[in-house]
Amino acid sequence: MKEISLHILDIAENSVKAGADMISISLSENLKKDTLDIIIADNGKGMNADAIKTITDPFTTSRTTRRVGLGIPFLKAAAEACNGFLFIKSESGEGTTLHAQFQHSHIDRMPIGNLQATLMQLLIGYPKIHWIFNISRDDNSFLLDDKEIKGAIGDLSLSHPQVLKAVKQIIQTGLDDLHQ
């Protein structure tokens, strides 16, 4: 994967497949500390200690359609190549938290990519999930809890054209405000 936003999409989809109905995604750029942190937490089925030990092995997967799982190993390799790390905390029946950190200024750090498209894809693709997005850059932050959106739109669906347009604008404005 060439962009961090695609890694976020992949890990979030893993959370959905693990039965989560609440997923929190945080992306934090701290230019003073020179770090970029991604934290994805869910309330899915979680993993036992043995599964956590093997989850970063590219030849380990819980899928039955193929015998490799490359998302987490690629993210781990990318973070470590940029003076960072990947840490996973999980308990069976309790959910999982993945934390990846990159040196923000590292020459090999991949770009964040189209974060707006990733967030929209998750919101629209998985409307039954409670999504919480917290994106920050230094002292600025943007928080989007989809419960607020769902409460405001009433009987309309998230895929309604007017709702899509409004949510896309909210996300774009929030992301733009981070860089001012």
N, C-alpha and C. Protein backbone atom coordinates (compact mmCIF):
# COMPACT_ATOMS: atom_id res chain seq x y z
N MET A 1 0.84 -1.17 0.00
CA MET A 1 0.00 0.00 0.00
C MET A 1 0.89 1.24 0.00
N LYS A 2 0.49 2.20 -0.76
CA LYS A 2 1.34 3.37 -0.96
C LYS A 2 0.92 4.58 -0.13
N GLU A 3 -0.19 4.47 0.57
CA GLU A 3 -0.68 5.60 1.36
C GLU A 3 -1.16 5.12 2.73
N ILE A 4 -0.98 5.95 3.72
CA ILE A 4 -1.43 5.63 5.07
C ILE A 4 -2.95 5.46 5.11
N SER A 5 -3.67 6.28 4.35
CA SER A 5 -5.13 6.17 4.35
C SER A 5 -5.60 4.79 3.90
N LEU A 6 -4.86 4.15 3.01
CA LEU A 6 -5.23 2.80 2.57
C LEU A 6 -4.95 1.77 3.67
N HIS A 7 -3.89 1.99 4.44
CA HIS A 7 -3.64 1.12 5.59
C HIS A 7 -4.78 1.26 6.61
N ILE A 8 -5.21 2.50 6.84
CA ILE A 8 -6.31 2.74 7.77
C ILE A 8 -7.56 2.00 7.30
N LEU A 9 -7.85 2.10 6.01
CA LEU A 9 -9.01 1.41 5.45
C LEU A 9 -8.89 -0.11 5.66
N ASP A 10 -7.74 -0.66 5.41
CA ASP A 10 -7.52 -2.10 5.56
C ASP A 10 -7.71 -2.55 7.01
N ILE A 11 -7.10 -1.83 7.94
CA ILE A 11 -7.20 -2.21 9.36
C ILE A 11 -8.64 -2.05 9.85
N ALA A 12 -9.31 -0.96 9.43
CA ALA A 12 -10.70 -0.76 9.84
C ALA A 12 -11.59 -1.88 9.30
N GLU A 13 -11.33 -2.31 8.08
CA GLU A 13 -12.12 -3.41 7.53
C GLU A 13 -11.85 -4.72 8.28
N ASN A 14 -10.62 -4.90 8.77
CA ASN A 14 -10.33 -6.05 9.64
C ASN A 14 -11.20 -5.99 10.89
N SER A 15 -11.36 -4.78 11.45
CA SER A 15 -12.18 -4.60 12.64
C SER A 15 -13.64 -4.96 12.36
N VAL A 16 -14.13 -4.55 11.19
CA VAL A 16 -15.50 -4.89 10.81
C VAL A 16 -15.66 -6.41 10.73
N LYS A 17 -14.69 -7.07 10.08
CA LYS A 17 -14.75 -8.53 9.93
C LYS A 17 -14.65 -9.23 11.28
N ALA A 18 -14.05 -8.56 12.26
CA ALA A 18 -13.93 -9.13 13.61
C ALA A 18 -15.19 -8.89 14.44
N GLY A 19 -16.25 -8.38 13.82
CA GLY A 19 -17.52 -8.22 14.50
C GLY A 19 -17.68 -6.95 15.30
N ALA A 20 -16.79 -5.98 15.11
CA ALA A 20 -16.91 -4.72 15.85
C ALA A 20 -18.14 -3.95 15.41
N ASP A 21 -18.80 -3.29 16.36
CA ASP A 21 -19.87 -2.37 16.00
C ASP A 21 -19.51 -0.94 16.41
N MET A 22 -18.30 -0.76 16.96
CA MET A 22 -17.76 0.56 17.28
C MET A 22 -16.28 0.54 16.93
N ILE A 23 -15.88 1.50 16.08
CA ILE A 23 -14.48 1.59 15.67
C ILE A 23 -14.05 3.05 15.77
N SER A 24 -12.95 3.26 16.47
CA SER A 24 -12.38 4.59 16.64
C SER A 24 -11.06 4.66 15.88
N ILE A 25 -10.92 5.69 15.06
CA ILE A 25 -9.71 5.88 14.28
C ILE A 25 -9.12 7.24 14.63
N SER A 26 -7.88 7.23 15.09
CA SER A 26 -7.17 8.48 15.41
C SER A 26 -5.93 8.56 14.55
N LEU A 27 -5.72 9.72 13.96
CA LEU A 27 -4.50 9.99 13.23
C LEU A 27 -3.98 11.30 13.77
N SER A 28 -2.77 11.28 14.29
CA SER A 28 -2.21 12.46 14.95
C SER A 28 -0.84 12.80 14.37
N GLU A 29 -0.74 13.99 13.80
CA GLU A 29 0.54 14.50 13.34
C GLU A 29 1.07 15.47 14.39
N ASN A 30 2.22 15.17 14.95
CA ASN A 30 2.84 16.07 15.92
C ASN A 30 4.17 16.51 15.32
N LEU A 31 4.15 17.69 14.72
CA LEU A 31 5.34 18.18 14.02
C LEU A 31 6.45 18.54 14.99
N LYS A 32 6.11 18.95 16.20
CA LYS A 32 7.13 19.28 17.20
C LYS A 32 7.89 18.04 17.65
N LYS A 33 7.17 16.94 17.85
CA LYS A 33 7.80 15.68 18.26
C LYS A 33 8.25 14.86 17.05
N ASP A 34 7.87 15.30 15.85
CA ASP A 34 8.21 14.62 14.60
C ASP A 34 7.63 13.21 14.56
N THR A 35 6.35 13.09 14.95
CA THR A 35 5.68 11.79 14.94
C THR A 35 4.36 11.85 14.18
N LEU A 36 4.01 10.73 13.63
CA LEU A 36 2.71 10.51 13.03
C LEU A 36 2.19 9.22 13.65
N ASP A 37 1.09 9.32 14.40
CA ASP A 37 0.52 8.17 15.09
C ASP A 37 -0.83 7.81 14.49
N ILE A 38 -1.04 6.53 14.34
CA ILE A 38 -2.33 5.98 13.91
C ILE A 38 -2.77 5.02 15.01
N ILE A 39 -3.96 5.25 15.54
CA ILE A 39 -4.52 4.34 16.54
C ILE A 39 -5.91 3.94 16.08
N ILE A 40 -6.12 2.66 15.93
CA ILE A 40 -7.43 2.12 15.54
C ILE A 40 -7.86 1.16 16.64
N ALA A 41 -8.99 1.47 17.26
CA ALA A 41 -9.50 0.66 18.37
C ALA A 41 -10.91 0.17 18.03
N ASP A 42 -11.19 -1.07 18.37
CA ASP A 42 -12.52 -1.61 18.11
C ASP A 42 -12.99 -2.45 19.28
N ASN A 43 -14.26 -2.78 19.24
CA ASN A 43 -14.85 -3.65 20.26
C ASN A 43 -15.23 -5.02 19.67
N GLY A 44 -14.45 -5.45 18.70
CA GLY A 44 -14.71 -6.73 18.03
C GLY A 44 -14.34 -7.93 18.90
N LYS A 45 -14.19 -9.06 18.27
CA LYS A 45 -13.97 -10.31 19.01
C LYS A 45 -12.60 -10.40 19.65
N GLY A 46 -11.66 -9.55 19.25
CA GLY A 46 -10.33 -9.57 19.85
C GLY A 46 -9.54 -10.79 19.45
N MET A 47 -8.33 -10.88 20.03
CA MET A 47 -7.44 -12.00 19.72
C MET A 47 -6.80 -12.50 21.01
N ASN A 48 -6.45 -13.77 21.01
CA ASN A 48 -5.71 -14.31 22.15
C ASN A 48 -4.22 -14.00 21.98
N ALA A 49 -3.43 -14.32 22.99
CA ALA A 49 -2.00 -14.00 22.98
C ALA A 49 -1.26 -14.67 21.82
N ASP A 50 -1.64 -15.89 21.48
CA ASP A 50 -0.98 -16.58 20.37
C ASP A 50 -1.26 -15.88 19.04
N ALA A 51 -2.48 -15.44 18.84
CA ALA A 51 -2.82 -14.74 17.61
C ALA A 51 -2.07 -13.41 17.50
N ILE A 52 -1.92 -12.70 18.60
CA ILE A 52 -1.19 -11.43 18.59
C ILE A 52 0.26 -11.65 18.19
N LYS A 53 0.86 -12.74 18.66
CA LYS A 53 2.26 -13.04 18.34
C LYS A 53 2.47 -13.29 16.85
N THR A 54 1.47 -13.84 16.18
CA THR A 54 1.64 -14.20 14.77
C THR A 54 1.00 -13.20 13.80
N ILE A 55 0.29 -12.20 14.30
CA ILE A 55 -0.48 -11.32 13.42
C ILE A 55 0.40 -10.50 12.47
N THR A 56 1.66 -10.27 12.83
CA THR A 56 2.53 -9.50 11.94
C THR A 56 3.30 -10.40 10.96
N ASP A 57 3.03 -11.69 10.99
CA ASP A 57 3.62 -12.63 10.04
C ASP A 57 2.78 -12.59 8.75
N PRO A 58 3.41 -12.28 7.61
CA PRO A 58 2.62 -12.18 6.37
C PRO A 58 1.98 -13.49 5.93
N PHE A 59 2.42 -14.61 6.50
CA PHE A 59 1.86 -15.89 6.11
C PHE A 59 0.82 -16.40 7.10
N THR A 60 0.34 -15.47 7.94
CA THR A 60 -0.70 -15.79 8.90
C THR A 60 -1.94 -14.97 8.56
N THR A 61 -3.07 -15.61 8.48
CA THR A 61 -4.33 -14.90 8.24
C THR A 61 -5.47 -15.73 8.79
N SER A 62 -6.55 -15.03 9.13
CA SER A 62 -7.74 -15.75 9.57
C SER A 62 -8.69 -15.98 8.39
N ARG A 63 -8.32 -15.47 7.23
CA ARG A 63 -9.15 -15.63 6.04
C ARG A 63 -9.13 -17.07 5.54
N THR A 64 -10.20 -17.45 4.93
CA THR A 64 -10.25 -18.78 4.32
C THR A 64 -10.10 -18.69 2.80
N THR A 65 -10.15 -17.47 2.25
CA THR A 65 -10.07 -17.31 0.80
C THR A 65 -8.64 -17.22 0.29
N ARG A 66 -7.69 -16.91 1.17
CA ARG A 66 -6.28 -16.93 0.78
C ARG A 66 -5.45 -17.19 2.03
N ARG A 67 -4.21 -17.58 1.82
CA ARG A 67 -3.40 -18.05 2.93
C ARG A 67 -2.42 -17.00 3.46
N VAL A 68 -2.51 -15.78 3.00
CA VAL A 68 -1.62 -14.73 3.50
C VAL A 68 -2.45 -13.53 3.91
N GLY A 69 -1.93 -12.78 4.86
CA GLY A 69 -2.55 -11.54 5.30
C GLY A 69 -1.45 -10.48 5.36
N LEU A 70 -1.47 -9.56 4.43
CA LEU A 70 -0.34 -8.65 4.28
C LEU A 70 -0.55 -7.27 4.88
N GLY A 71 -1.77 -6.90 5.21
CA GLY A 71 -2.03 -5.54 5.68
C GLY A 71 -1.23 -5.14 6.90
N ILE A 72 -1.35 -5.88 7.97
CA ILE A 72 -0.65 -5.55 9.22
C ILE A 72 0.87 -5.71 9.06
N PRO A 73 1.37 -6.80 8.44
CA PRO A 73 2.82 -6.88 8.25
C PRO A 73 3.40 -5.73 7.42
N PHE A 74 2.68 -5.30 6.38
CA PHE A 74 3.17 -4.17 5.58
C PHE A 74 3.17 -2.88 6.40
N LEU A 75 2.13 -2.66 7.19
CA LEU A 75 2.08 -1.46 8.03
C LEU A 75 3.22 -1.48 9.05
N LYS A 76 3.46 -2.62 9.66
CA LYS A 76 4.56 -2.76 10.62
C LYS A 76 5.90 -2.46 9.96
N ALA A 77 6.13 -3.05 8.80
CA ALA A 77 7.39 -2.83 8.09
C ALA A 77 7.56 -1.36 7.70
N ALA A 78 6.48 -0.73 7.25
CA ALA A 78 6.54 0.68 6.87
C ALA A 78 6.85 1.57 8.07
N ALA A 79 6.22 1.29 9.20
CA ALA A 79 6.46 2.09 10.41
C ALA A 79 7.89 1.91 10.90
N GLU A 80 8.35 0.68 10.95
CA GLU A 80 9.71 0.42 11.44
C GLU A 80 10.77 0.98 10.50
N ALA A 81 10.49 1.02 9.21
CA ALA A 81 11.43 1.60 8.24
C ALA A 81 11.54 3.12 8.42
N CYS A 82 10.58 3.69 9.13
CA CYS A 82 10.56 5.14 9.37
C CYS A 82 10.78 5.45 10.85
N ASN A 83 11.64 4.67 11.49
CA ASN A 83 12.00 4.87 12.91
C ASN A 83 10.79 4.80 13.83
N GLY A 84 9.81 4.00 13.47
CA GLY A 84 8.60 3.89 14.27
C GLY A 84 8.37 2.48 14.77
N PHE A 85 7.11 2.19 15.05
CA PHE A 85 6.75 0.88 15.60
C PHE A 85 5.31 0.57 15.30
N LEU A 86 4.93 -0.67 15.53
CA LEU A 86 3.54 -1.11 15.50
C LEU A 86 3.32 -1.95 16.74
N PHE A 87 2.27 -1.62 17.48
CA PHE A 87 1.94 -2.33 18.71
C PHE A 87 0.47 -2.71 18.66
N ILE A 88 0.17 -3.93 19.05
CA ILE A 88 -1.22 -4.40 19.07
C ILE A 88 -1.55 -4.89 20.47
N LYS A 89 -2.65 -4.40 21.00
CA LYS A 89 -3.17 -4.86 22.29
C LYS A 89 -4.56 -5.44 22.02
N SER A 90 -4.78 -6.64 22.50
CA SER A 90 -6.06 -7.29 22.25
C SER A 90 -6.32 -8.35 23.30
N GLU A 91 -7.60 -8.56 23.57
CA GLU A 91 -8.05 -9.65 24.42
C GLU A 91 -9.27 -10.28 23.77
N SER A 92 -9.34 -11.60 23.83
CA SER A 92 -10.50 -12.28 23.27
C SER A 92 -11.77 -11.75 23.91
N GLY A 93 -12.73 -11.40 23.08
CA GLY A 93 -14.01 -10.89 23.55
C GLY A 93 -14.01 -9.43 23.97
N GLU A 94 -12.86 -8.78 23.92
CA GLU A 94 -12.76 -7.39 24.40
C GLU A 94 -12.42 -6.39 23.31
N GLY A 95 -11.98 -6.84 22.16
CA GLY A 95 -11.61 -5.91 21.10
C GLY A 95 -10.10 -5.79 20.94
N THR A 96 -9.72 -4.92 20.02
CA THR A 96 -8.32 -4.77 19.65
C THR A 96 -7.99 -3.29 19.47
N THR A 97 -6.77 -2.94 19.86
CA THR A 97 -6.23 -1.60 19.59
C THR A 97 -4.91 -1.78 18.88
N LEU A 98 -4.77 -1.14 17.73
CA LEU A 98 -3.54 -1.14 16.97
C LEU A 98 -2.97 0.27 17.01
N HIS A 99 -1.69 0.39 17.31
CA HIS A 99 -1.02 1.69 17.35
C HIS A 99 0.22 1.60 16.47
N ALA A 100 0.27 2.41 15.42
CA ALA A 100 1.45 2.49 14.57
C ALA A 100 1.98 3.91 14.66
N GLN A 101 3.30 4.03 14.76
CA GLN A 101 3.92 5.35 14.81
C GLN A 101 5.03 5.42 13.76
N PHE A 102 5.11 6.56 13.10
CA PHE A 102 6.13 6.84 12.11
C PHE A 102 6.89 8.10 12.53
N GLN A 103 8.15 8.21 12.14
CA GLN A 103 8.82 9.50 12.23
C GLN A 103 8.22 10.34 11.10
N HIS A 104 7.59 11.44 11.48
CA HIS A 104 6.84 12.24 10.51
C HIS A 104 7.71 12.70 9.35
N SER A 105 8.91 13.17 9.63
CA SER A 105 9.76 13.77 8.59
C SER A 105 10.61 12.75 7.84
N HIS A 106 10.49 11.48 8.17
CA HIS A 106 11.34 10.47 7.54
C HIS A 106 11.10 10.47 6.03
N ILE A 107 12.18 10.41 5.29
CA ILE A 107 12.09 10.49 3.83
C ILE A 107 11.29 9.35 3.23
N ASP A 108 11.27 8.22 3.90
CA ASP A 108 10.55 7.05 3.37
C ASP A 108 9.11 6.94 3.87
N ARG A 109 8.68 7.88 4.71
CA ARG A 109 7.30 7.80 5.20
C ARG A 109 6.35 8.05 4.04
N MET A 110 5.43 7.13 3.88
CA MET A 110 4.45 7.28 2.80
C MET A 110 3.53 8.46 3.10
N PRO A 111 2.93 9.05 2.06
CA PRO A 111 1.99 10.15 2.30
C PRO A 111 0.72 9.64 2.98
N ILE A 112 0.02 10.56 3.61
CA ILE A 112 -1.25 10.19 4.25
C ILE A 112 -2.26 9.77 3.18
N GLY A 113 -2.27 10.43 2.07
CA GLY A 113 -3.18 10.05 0.98
C GLY A 113 -4.54 10.71 1.14
N ASN A 114 -5.53 10.13 0.51
CA ASN A 114 -6.87 10.72 0.47
C ASN A 114 -7.67 10.25 1.69
N LEU A 115 -7.43 10.90 2.79
CA LEU A 115 -8.10 10.55 4.04
C LEU A 115 -9.60 10.79 3.96
N GLN A 116 -10.00 11.84 3.28
CA GLN A 116 -11.42 12.12 3.13
C GLN A 116 -12.14 10.95 2.44
N ALA A 117 -11.56 10.42 1.38
CA ALA A 117 -12.19 9.30 0.66
C ALA A 117 -12.25 8.06 1.55
N THR A 118 -11.21 7.83 2.32
CA THR A 118 -11.19 6.67 3.22
C THR A 118 -12.30 6.79 4.27
N LEU A 119 -12.41 7.95 4.89
CA LEU A 119 -13.44 8.14 5.92
C LEU A 119 -14.84 8.01 5.32
N MET A 120 -15.04 8.59 4.14
CA MET A 120 -16.34 8.48 3.48
C MET A 120 -16.65 7.02 3.14
N GLN A 121 -15.66 6.30 2.64
CA GLN A 121 -15.88 4.91 2.28
C GLN A 121 -16.29 4.08 3.50
N LEU A 122 -15.66 4.33 4.63
CA LEU A 122 -16.01 3.61 5.85
C LEU A 122 -17.41 3.97 6.33
N LEU A 123 -17.73 5.26 6.33
CA LEU A 123 -19.06 5.71 6.77
C LEU A 123 -20.17 5.13 5.90
N ILE A 124 -20.00 5.19 4.60
CA ILE A 124 -21.04 4.75 3.68
C ILE A 124 -21.04 3.23 3.53
N GLY A 125 -19.86 2.63 3.51
CA GLY A 125 -19.76 1.20 3.30
C GLY A 125 -20.22 0.37 4.48
N TYR A 126 -20.11 0.95 5.68
CA TYR A 126 -20.47 0.22 6.90
C TYR A 126 -21.35 1.11 7.79
N PRO A 127 -22.57 1.37 7.35
CA PRO A 127 -23.43 2.32 8.09
C PRO A 127 -23.89 1.83 9.46
N LYS A 128 -23.80 0.54 9.73
CA LYS A 128 -24.24 0.03 11.03
C LYS A 128 -23.15 0.13 12.10
N ILE A 129 -21.95 0.48 11.68
CA ILE A 129 -20.84 0.65 12.61
C ILE A 129 -20.89 2.05 13.21
N HIS A 130 -20.58 2.17 14.48
CA HIS A 130 -20.43 3.48 15.12
C HIS A 130 -18.98 3.91 14.89
N TRP A 131 -18.80 4.92 14.07
CA TRP A 131 -17.47 5.42 13.70
C TRP A 131 -17.13 6.67 14.49
N ILE A 132 -15.92 6.71 15.00
CA ILE A 132 -15.39 7.91 15.64
C ILE A 132 -14.05 8.20 14.98
N PHE A 133 -13.94 9.36 14.36
CA PHE A 133 -12.70 9.78 13.71
C PHE A 133 -12.13 10.97 14.46
N ASN A 134 -10.88 10.87 14.87
CA ASN A 134 -10.22 11.97 15.56
C ASN A 134 -8.90 12.22 14.83
N ILE A 135 -8.85 13.33 14.11
CA ILE A 135 -7.69 13.67 13.31
C ILE A 135 -7.09 14.95 13.89
N SER A 136 -5.78 14.93 14.15
CA SER A 136 -5.18 16.12 14.74
C SER A 136 -3.82 16.41 14.11
N ARG A 137 -3.49 17.67 14.18
CA ARG A 137 -2.17 18.13 13.73
C ARG A 137 -1.74 19.20 14.73
N ASP A 138 -0.72 18.88 15.48
CA ASP A 138 -0.23 19.75 16.56
C ASP A 138 -1.40 20.12 17.47
N ASP A 139 -1.73 21.41 17.59
CA ASP A 139 -2.77 21.83 18.53
C ASP A 139 -4.17 21.88 17.92
N ASN A 140 -4.30 21.55 16.65
CA ASN A 140 -5.60 21.56 15.98
C ASN A 140 -6.14 20.14 15.87
N SER A 141 -7.45 20.01 16.04
CA SER A 141 -8.03 18.68 15.91
C SER A 141 -9.41 18.75 15.29
N PHE A 142 -9.80 17.63 14.71
CA PHE A 142 -11.09 17.47 14.06
C PHE A 142 -11.66 16.15 14.55
N LEU A 143 -12.82 16.22 15.18
CA LEU A 143 -13.50 15.03 15.70
C LEU A 143 -14.82 14.86 14.98
N LEU A 144 -15.04 13.67 14.47
CA LEU A 144 -16.30 13.35 13.81
C LEU A 144 -16.83 12.06 14.41
N ASP A 145 -17.96 12.16 15.08
CA ASP A 145 -18.64 11.00 15.64
C ASP A 145 -19.90 10.81 14.81
N ASP A 146 -20.02 9.69 14.11
CA ASP A 146 -21.13 9.54 13.19
C ASP A 146 -22.49 9.48 13.88
N LYS A 147 -22.51 9.29 15.20
CA LYS A 147 -23.80 9.35 15.90
C LYS A 147 -24.43 10.73 15.76
N GLU A 148 -23.61 11.77 15.74
CA GLU A 148 -24.12 13.13 15.56
C GLU A 148 -24.74 13.29 14.19
N ILE A 149 -24.09 12.74 13.18
CA ILE A 149 -24.62 12.83 11.81
C ILE A 149 -25.92 12.04 11.72
N LYS A 150 -25.89 10.80 12.21
CA LYS A 150 -27.08 9.95 12.13
C LYS A 150 -28.25 10.56 12.89
N GLY A 151 -27.97 11.24 14.01
CA GLY A 151 -29.02 11.90 14.76
C GLY A 151 -29.60 13.09 14.00
N ALA A 152 -28.75 13.77 13.24
CA ALA A 152 -29.19 14.97 12.52
C ALA A 152 -29.96 14.66 11.24
N ILE A 153 -29.70 13.50 10.63
CA ILE A 153 -30.34 13.22 9.33
C ILE A 153 -31.66 12.49 9.46
N GLY A 154 -32.00 12.07 10.66
CA GLY A 154 -33.30 11.41 10.87
C GLY A 154 -33.44 10.14 10.06
N ASP A 155 -34.49 10.10 9.21
CA ASP A 155 -34.80 8.89 8.44
C ASP A 155 -33.98 8.76 7.16
N LEU A 156 -33.23 9.78 6.80
CA LEU A 156 -32.41 9.69 5.60
C LEU A 156 -31.24 8.74 5.84
N SER A 157 -30.77 8.13 4.77
CA SER A 157 -29.61 7.25 4.91
C SER A 157 -28.33 8.05 4.65
N LEU A 158 -27.22 7.52 5.13
CA LEU A 158 -25.93 8.18 4.89
C LEU A 158 -25.60 8.24 3.40
N SER A 159 -26.20 7.36 2.60
CA SER A 159 -25.92 7.37 1.17
C SER A 159 -26.86 8.29 0.38
N HIS A 160 -27.77 8.98 1.05
CA HIS A 160 -28.63 9.95 0.37
C HIS A 160 -27.73 11.05 -0.21
N PRO A 161 -27.96 11.47 -1.45
CA PRO A 161 -27.07 12.44 -2.10
C PRO A 161 -26.84 13.73 -1.31
N GLN A 162 -27.88 14.27 -0.69
CA GLN A 162 -27.71 15.50 0.09
C GLN A 162 -26.87 15.25 1.34
N VAL A 163 -27.08 14.10 1.98
CA VAL A 163 -26.30 13.75 3.16
C VAL A 163 -24.85 13.52 2.77
N LEU A 164 -24.63 12.79 1.68
CA LEU A 164 -23.27 12.56 1.20
C LEU A 164 -22.53 13.86 0.97
N LYS A 165 -23.19 14.77 0.31
CA LYS A 165 -22.57 16.07 -0.01
C LYS A 165 -22.23 16.82 1.28
N ALA A 166 -23.13 16.82 2.24
CA ALA A 166 -22.91 17.53 3.50
C ALA A 166 -21.79 16.89 4.31
N VAL A 167 -21.77 15.57 4.40
CA VAL A 167 -20.74 14.88 5.18
C VAL A 167 -19.38 15.08 4.52
N LYS A 168 -19.35 14.98 3.21
CA LYS A 168 -18.09 15.20 2.49
C LYS A 168 -17.56 16.61 2.78
N GLN A 169 -18.44 17.59 2.79
CA GLN A 169 -18.03 18.97 3.08
C GLN A 169 -17.56 19.14 4.53
N ILE A 170 -18.24 18.48 5.45
CA ILE A 170 -17.83 18.54 6.87
C ILE A 170 -16.42 17.98 7.03
N ILE A 171 -16.18 16.83 6.43
CA ILE A 171 -14.86 16.20 6.54
C ILE A 171 -13.80 17.07 5.87
N GLN A 172 -14.08 17.56 4.67
CA GLN A 172 -13.09 18.36 3.96
C GLN A 172 -12.77 19.64 4.75
N THR A 173 -13.78 20.30 5.28
CA THR A 173 -13.55 21.52 6.07
C THR A 173 -12.73 21.19 7.32
N GLY A 174 -13.07 20.12 7.99
CA GLY A 174 -12.33 19.73 9.19
C GLY A 174 -10.87 19.43 8.88
N LEU A 175 -10.61 18.72 7.79
CA LEU A 175 -9.24 18.40 7.41
C LEU A 175 -8.48 19.65 6.96
N ASP A 176 -9.17 20.51 6.21
CA ASP A 176 -8.53 21.76 5.77
C ASP A 176 -8.14 22.64 6.96
N ASP A 177 -9.01 22.69 7.96
CA ASP A 177 -8.76 23.52 9.15
C ASP A 177 -7.50 23.07 9.91
N LEU A 178 -7.15 21.80 9.80
CA LEU A 178 -5.97 21.29 10.50
C LEU A 178 -4.67 21.88 9.96
N HIS A 179 -4.69 22.28 8.72
CA HIS A 179 -3.47 22.77 8.07
C HIS A 179 -3.38 24.28 8.02
N GLN A 180 -4.21 24.95 8.79
CA GLN A 180 -4.14 26.42 8.82
C GLN A 180 -3.40 26.89 10.02
